Amino acid sequence: QVQLVESGGGLVQTGGSLRLSCIASGRDISDDTMGWYRQAPDNGTDFLAMISGFGLTTYSDRVKGRATISRDNTQNAVFLQMNKLTLDDSSVYYCKNVHNKSWGPGTQVTVSS
């Protein structure tokens, strides 16, 4: 069973950047598709980005051009670089192992004006 822990959230001003990290333990995730999501206003989750074990990436229109998902298999980790942050980007950000549907506890991102 894989455990995921996100970090890198915090308070940032509009227009700023953050790099979120998701460290996995208990399983080698190098072959797994991993994704980043965030809590939606209706308490659901919004898809943001995904990276396959081959490194193929997919982005939601809400972050395309502002976000970059990457992975470092030596660290058993995935990352999400977010740029040009807006107030609407404030949320709890989650990492998900799409292979076995495991979620991390999330990291809070707050964007202030």
Protein backbone atom coordinates (compact mmCIF):
# COMPACT_ATOMS: atom_id res chain seq x y z
CA GLN A 1 0.00 0.00 0.00
CA VAL A 2 1.32 3.39 -0.94
CA GLN A 3 1.34 6.40 1.36
CA LEU A 4 1.45 9.86 -0.15
CA VAL A 5 2.42 13.08 1.60
CA GLU A 6 2.14 16.48 -0.03
CA SER A 7 4.15 19.54 0.92
CA GLY A 8 5.06 22.93 -0.44
CA GLY A 9 1.80 24.73 0.12
CA GLY A 10 1.59 28.05 1.88
CA LEU A 11 0.71 31.70 1.48
CA VAL A 12 1.66 33.41 -1.75
CA GLN A 13 0.70 36.67 -3.43
CA THR A 14 -1.18 36.84 -6.70
CA GLY A 15 1.16 36.35 -9.61
CA GLY A 16 3.53 34.28 -7.52
CA SER A 17 4.63 30.66 -7.83
CA LEU A 18 4.72 27.51 -5.74
CA ARG A 19 6.26 24.09 -6.18
CA LEU A 20 4.25 21.32 -4.58
CA SER A 21 5.84 18.00 -3.75
CA CYS A 22 4.32 14.57 -3.25
CA ILE A 23 6.55 11.96 -1.66
CA ALA A 24 5.45 8.32 -1.84
CA SER A 25 6.39 5.50 0.50
CA GLY A 26 5.48 1.84 0.72
CA ARG A 27 5.51 1.34 -3.03
CA ASP A 28 7.70 2.19 -5.98
CA ILE A 29 5.54 4.60 -8.00
CA SER A 30 7.88 4.93 -10.96
CA ASP A 31 5.51 2.96 -13.22
CA ASP A 32 2.32 4.51 -11.83
CA THR A 33 0.28 7.32 -13.27
CA MET A 34 0.18 10.11 -10.70
CA GLY A 35 -2.10 13.11 -10.58
CA TRP A 36 -2.64 16.43 -8.86
CA TYR A 37 -6.09 17.62 -7.87
CA ARG A 38 -7.51 20.34 -5.69
CA GLN A 39 -10.63 20.78 -3.65
CA ALA A 40 -13.42 22.39 -5.62
CA PRO A 41 -15.82 25.02 -4.21
CA ASP A 42 -18.54 22.35 -3.98
CA ASN A 43 -16.13 20.15 -1.95
CA GLY A 44 -15.55 17.83 -4.87
CA THR A 45 -12.14 17.59 -6.49
CA ASP A 46 -10.92 19.30 -9.63
CA PHE A 47 -8.38 17.54 -11.80
CA LEU A 48 -5.28 19.62 -12.49
CA ALA A 49 -2.55 17.49 -14.05
CA MET A 50 -1.41 13.93 -14.58
CA ILE A 51 1.84 12.22 -15.46
CA SER A 52 2.21 8.63 -16.64
CA GLY A 53 4.99 6.24 -15.82
CA PHE A 54 6.41 7.07 -19.24
CA GLY A 55 6.39 10.79 -18.44
CA LEU A 56 3.44 11.70 -20.62
CA THR A 57 1.58 14.66 -19.17
CA THR A 58 -2.00 15.89 -19.29
CA TYR A 59 -3.31 19.20 -17.96
CA SER A 60 -6.67 20.64 -17.14
CA ASP A 61 -7.61 23.80 -19.01
CA ARG A 62 -7.76 25.61 -15.66
CA VAL A 63 -3.96 25.30 -15.22
CA LYS A 64 -2.66 24.65 -18.73
CA GLY A 65 0.19 27.03 -19.49
CA ARG A 66 0.66 27.87 -15.79
CA ALA A 67 1.51 24.47 -14.36
CA THR A 68 4.14 21.82 -14.90
CA ILE A 69 3.90 18.33 -13.49
CA SER A 70 7.09 16.31 -13.18
CA ARG A 71 8.44 13.28 -11.41
CA ASP A 72 11.72 12.14 -9.91
CA ASN A 73 11.80 8.39 -9.62
CA THR A 74 14.99 8.49 -7.54
CA GLN A 75 12.97 10.33 -4.88
CA ASN A 76 9.78 8.34 -5.52
CA ALA A 77 8.09 11.70 -5.92
CA VAL A 78 6.00 13.87 -8.18
CA PHE A 79 5.89 17.65 -8.29
CA LEU A 80 3.59 20.40 -9.45
CA GLN A 81 5.04 23.77 -10.33
CA MET A 82 2.31 26.42 -10.36
CA ASN A 83 2.96 29.91 -11.74
CA LYS A 84 0.96 33.10 -12.14
CA LEU A 85 -1.23 32.17 -9.19
CA THR A 86 -4.60 33.86 -8.82
CA LEU A 87 -7.05 34.12 -5.95
CA ASP A 88 -9.03 31.28 -7.53
CA ASP A 89 -6.04 28.96 -7.03
CA SER A 90 -6.52 29.03 -3.27
CA SER A 91 -7.44 25.51 -2.23
CA VAL A 92 -6.23 22.27 -0.72
CA TYR A 93 -4.05 20.45 -3.23
CA TYR A 94 -3.94 16.67 -3.33
CA CYS A 95 -1.68 14.10 -4.89
CA LYS A 96 -3.26 10.88 -6.14
CA ASN A 97 -1.85 7.56 -7.22
CA VAL A 98 -4.18 6.88 -10.14
CA HIS A 99 -3.00 3.25 -10.28
CA ASN A 100 -4.40 2.28 -6.88
CA LYS A 101 -6.54 5.35 -6.15
CA SER A 102 -4.57 6.40 -3.06
CA TRP A 103 -4.70 10.04 -1.94
CA GLY A 104 -2.46 12.13 0.22
CA PRO A 105 -3.84 14.32 3.03
CA GLY A 106 -3.37 17.48 1.00
CA THR A 107 -1.48 20.74 1.34
CA GLN A 108 -3.13 24.15 1.68
CA VAL A 109 -2.38 26.86 -0.86
CA THR A 110 -3.61 30.34 -0.09
CA VAL A 111 -3.21 33.14 -2.60
CA SER A 112 -3.59 36.69 -1.32
CA SER A 113 -3.90 39.99 -3.14
